[in-house]
Amino acid sequence: MYRASLGGGHAAHGVYRHALVRIITPLLEPLAGGVGWSPLAVALAGVLMSLDPAPTLRQRFESVLGVLDAALSRRRRTGRTFQSFVKALSVHGPAALTPLSEHLRAATRAAAEQAGRWSCNGLVPVGADGSKFDAPRTIANEPLGFAGKDK
């Protein structure tokens, strides 16, 4: 297993990832069943690989295999190659993450409604960008000001 993908050692590997798998697995219960790269295994691997700090996908995959082997029952053991994961991802990928994304949407809405911030003036804000770009420096754009530091 690639050492950098452990994120600093035993604590990150043993506590954080297994806790995350325990939390996510009940949300993905409709995907359970099957052997090898089941939709459940594909979804778990995709989420864990997206959070892994290793520099390459193959190294992230190696790290995630160890977590999946510990988290899934022995009869559901996943494939052992990155190519098999990519192939399974192309088959199960979009449908595998649907239960998780639906749960996250519902939880986000519930938290925002509880705080009274789901809508703003009748509109639902779906994102914000804090980027600062200067408009072209023309006479017509002078009232807009400048995004950078005042110099």
Protein backbone atom coordinates (compact mmCIF):
# COMPACT_ATOMS: atom_id res chain seq x y z
CA MET A 1 0.00 0.00 0.00
CA TYR A 2 1.26 3.46 -0.84
CA ARG A 3 2.43 5.14 2.36
CA ALA A 4 1.41 8.71 1.44
CA SER A 5 -2.17 7.62 0.86
CA LEU A 6 -2.50 6.65 4.51
CA GLY A 7 -2.63 10.33 5.38
CA GLY A 8 -0.16 10.22 8.21
CA GLY A 9 -0.45 6.74 9.58
CA HIS A 10 -2.65 4.37 11.51
CA ALA A 11 -5.06 6.95 12.96
CA ALA A 12 -6.18 8.28 9.59
CA HIS A 13 -6.49 4.80 8.11
CA GLY A 14 -8.06 3.01 11.05
CA VAL A 15 -10.35 5.66 12.49
CA TYR A 16 -11.38 8.13 9.81
CA ARG A 17 -11.95 5.88 6.83
CA HIS A 18 -13.68 3.04 8.64
CA ALA A 19 -15.97 5.52 10.41
CA LEU A 20 -16.81 7.07 7.05
CA VAL A 21 -17.58 3.64 5.58
CA ARG A 22 -19.83 2.84 8.57
CA ILE A 23 -21.76 6.09 8.01
CA ILE A 24 -22.10 5.80 4.23
CA THR A 25 -22.93 2.09 3.98
CA PRO A 26 -26.48 2.35 5.45
CA LEU A 27 -27.25 5.13 2.94
CA LEU A 28 -26.21 2.82 0.13
CA GLU A 29 -28.16 -0.20 1.41
CA PRO A 30 -30.29 -0.46 -1.76
CA LEU A 31 -27.05 -1.19 -3.65
CA ALA A 32 -26.00 -4.07 -1.39
CA GLY A 33 -25.71 -7.53 -2.83
CA GLY A 34 -23.63 -9.23 -5.41
CA VAL A 35 -19.98 -10.12 -5.45
CA GLY A 36 -16.96 -8.41 -6.91
CA TRP A 37 -17.49 -4.83 -7.98
CA SER A 38 -21.08 -4.48 -6.83
CA PRO A 39 -22.74 -1.05 -7.02
CA LEU A 40 -22.10 -0.72 -3.26
CA ALA A 41 -18.38 -1.39 -3.64
CA VAL A 42 -18.13 1.01 -6.60
CA ALA A 43 -19.88 3.79 -4.65
CA LEU A 44 -17.71 3.30 -1.56
CA ALA A 45 -14.52 3.17 -3.62
CA GLY A 46 -15.49 6.32 -5.53
CA VAL A 47 -16.17 8.33 -2.39
CA LEU A 48 -13.03 7.09 -0.61
CA MET A 49 -10.80 7.68 -3.64
CA SER A 50 -12.07 11.25 -3.93
CA LEU A 51 -10.95 11.92 -0.35
CA ASP A 52 -7.60 10.11 -0.49
CA PRO A 53 -4.50 12.37 -0.50
CA ALA A 54 -2.34 10.10 -2.71
CA PRO A 55 -0.96 11.81 -5.82
CA THR A 56 -2.16 9.27 -8.43
CA LEU A 57 -5.39 7.36 -9.01
CA ARG A 58 -3.62 4.01 -8.86
CA GLN A 59 -2.17 4.84 -5.44
CA ARG A 60 -5.58 5.98 -4.22
CA PHE A 61 -7.04 2.72 -5.52
CA GLU A 62 -4.44 0.65 -3.63
CA SER A 63 -5.28 2.46 -0.42
CA VAL A 64 -9.03 2.07 -0.90
CA LEU A 65 -8.69 -1.68 -1.56
CA GLY A 66 -7.42 -2.19 1.97
CA VAL A 67 -10.34 -0.27 3.44
CA LEU A 68 -12.88 -2.14 1.32
CA ASP A 69 -11.39 -5.50 2.27
CA ALA A 70 -11.86 -4.62 5.94
CA ALA A 71 -15.30 -3.05 5.48
CA LEU A 72 -17.05 -5.52 3.16
CA SER A 73 -17.73 -9.13 3.98
CA ARG A 74 -15.31 -11.68 2.58
CA ARG A 75 -17.82 -13.05 0.08
CA ARG A 76 -18.19 -9.57 -1.44
CA ARG A 77 -14.49 -9.12 -2.06
CA THR A 78 -13.86 -6.65 -4.86
CA GLY A 79 -11.70 -6.98 -7.92
CA ARG A 80 -7.99 -6.45 -7.44
CA THR A 81 -7.07 -4.27 -10.42
CA PHE A 82 -7.61 -0.63 -11.23
CA GLN A 83 -8.82 -1.61 -14.70
CA SER A 84 -11.59 -3.76 -13.22
CA PHE A 85 -12.68 -0.84 -11.04
CA VAL A 86 -12.82 1.51 -14.04
CA LYS A 87 -14.85 -1.03 -15.99
CA ALA A 88 -17.28 -1.47 -13.07
CA LEU A 89 -17.47 2.30 -12.66
CA SER A 90 -18.59 2.66 -16.26
CA VAL A 91 -21.34 0.08 -15.65
CA HIS A 92 -22.52 1.01 -12.13
CA GLY A 93 -21.15 4.52 -11.63
CA PRO A 94 -24.07 6.90 -12.18
CA ALA A 95 -26.66 4.68 -10.46
CA ALA A 96 -24.30 3.78 -7.61
CA LEU A 97 -24.08 7.33 -6.25
CA THR A 98 -27.77 8.23 -6.64
CA PRO A 99 -28.86 7.11 -3.12
CA LEU A 100 -25.96 8.99 -1.52
CA SER A 101 -26.55 12.19 -3.50
CA GLU A 102 -30.30 12.09 -2.74
CA HIS A 103 -29.58 11.74 0.97
CA LEU A 104 -27.06 14.61 0.91
CA ARG A 105 -29.56 16.85 -0.92
CA ALA A 106 -32.28 16.10 1.64
CA ALA A 107 -29.91 16.62 4.58
CA THR A 108 -28.68 19.93 3.12
CA ARG A 109 -32.24 21.18 2.64
CA ALA A 110 -33.25 20.11 6.16
CA ALA A 111 -30.25 21.84 7.72
CA ALA A 112 -30.80 25.01 5.70
CA GLU A 113 -34.54 25.12 6.48
CA GLN A 114 -33.83 24.59 10.17
CA ALA A 115 -31.49 27.58 10.11
CA GLY A 116 -34.04 29.56 8.11
CA ARG A 117 -31.69 30.02 5.19
CA TRP A 118 -33.11 27.74 2.47
CA SER A 119 -34.33 30.66 0.39
CA CYS A 120 -33.29 34.26 0.02
CA ASN A 121 -35.94 36.67 -1.28
CA GLY A 122 -37.87 33.71 -2.69
CA LEU A 123 -34.85 32.25 -4.51
CA VAL A 124 -32.83 29.18 -3.56
CA PRO A 125 -29.10 29.99 -3.72
CA VAL A 126 -27.32 27.04 -5.26
CA GLY A 127 -23.77 28.34 -5.25
CA ALA A 128 -21.55 31.32 -4.87
CA ASP A 129 -18.24 32.23 -6.39
CA GLY A 130 -15.85 34.46 -4.53
CA SER A 131 -13.52 34.96 -7.49
CA LYS A 132 -12.40 38.48 -8.17
CA PHE A 133 -11.91 39.37 -11.82
CA ASP A 134 -11.30 42.82 -13.17
CA ALA A 135 -13.59 44.06 -15.89
CA PRO A 136 -11.79 45.50 -18.92
CA ARG A 137 -10.47 48.94 -18.04
CA THR A 138 -12.71 51.06 -20.19
CA ILE A 139 -14.41 54.37 -19.40
CA ALA A 140 -17.80 52.60 -19.30
CA ASN A 141 -16.54 50.06 -16.71
CA GLU A 142 -14.88 52.58 -14.34
CA PRO A 143 -17.89 52.66 -11.98
CA LEU A 144 -17.45 48.90 -11.39
CA GLY A 145 -14.15 49.46 -9.62
CA PHE A 146 -11.28 47.02 -9.45
CA ALA A 147 -11.23 43.55 -7.92
CA GLY A 148 -7.61 43.56 -6.76
CA LYS A 149 -5.89 45.69 -4.18
CA ASP A 150 -6.15 49.42 -4.59
CA LYS A 151 -2.88 50.58 -6.11
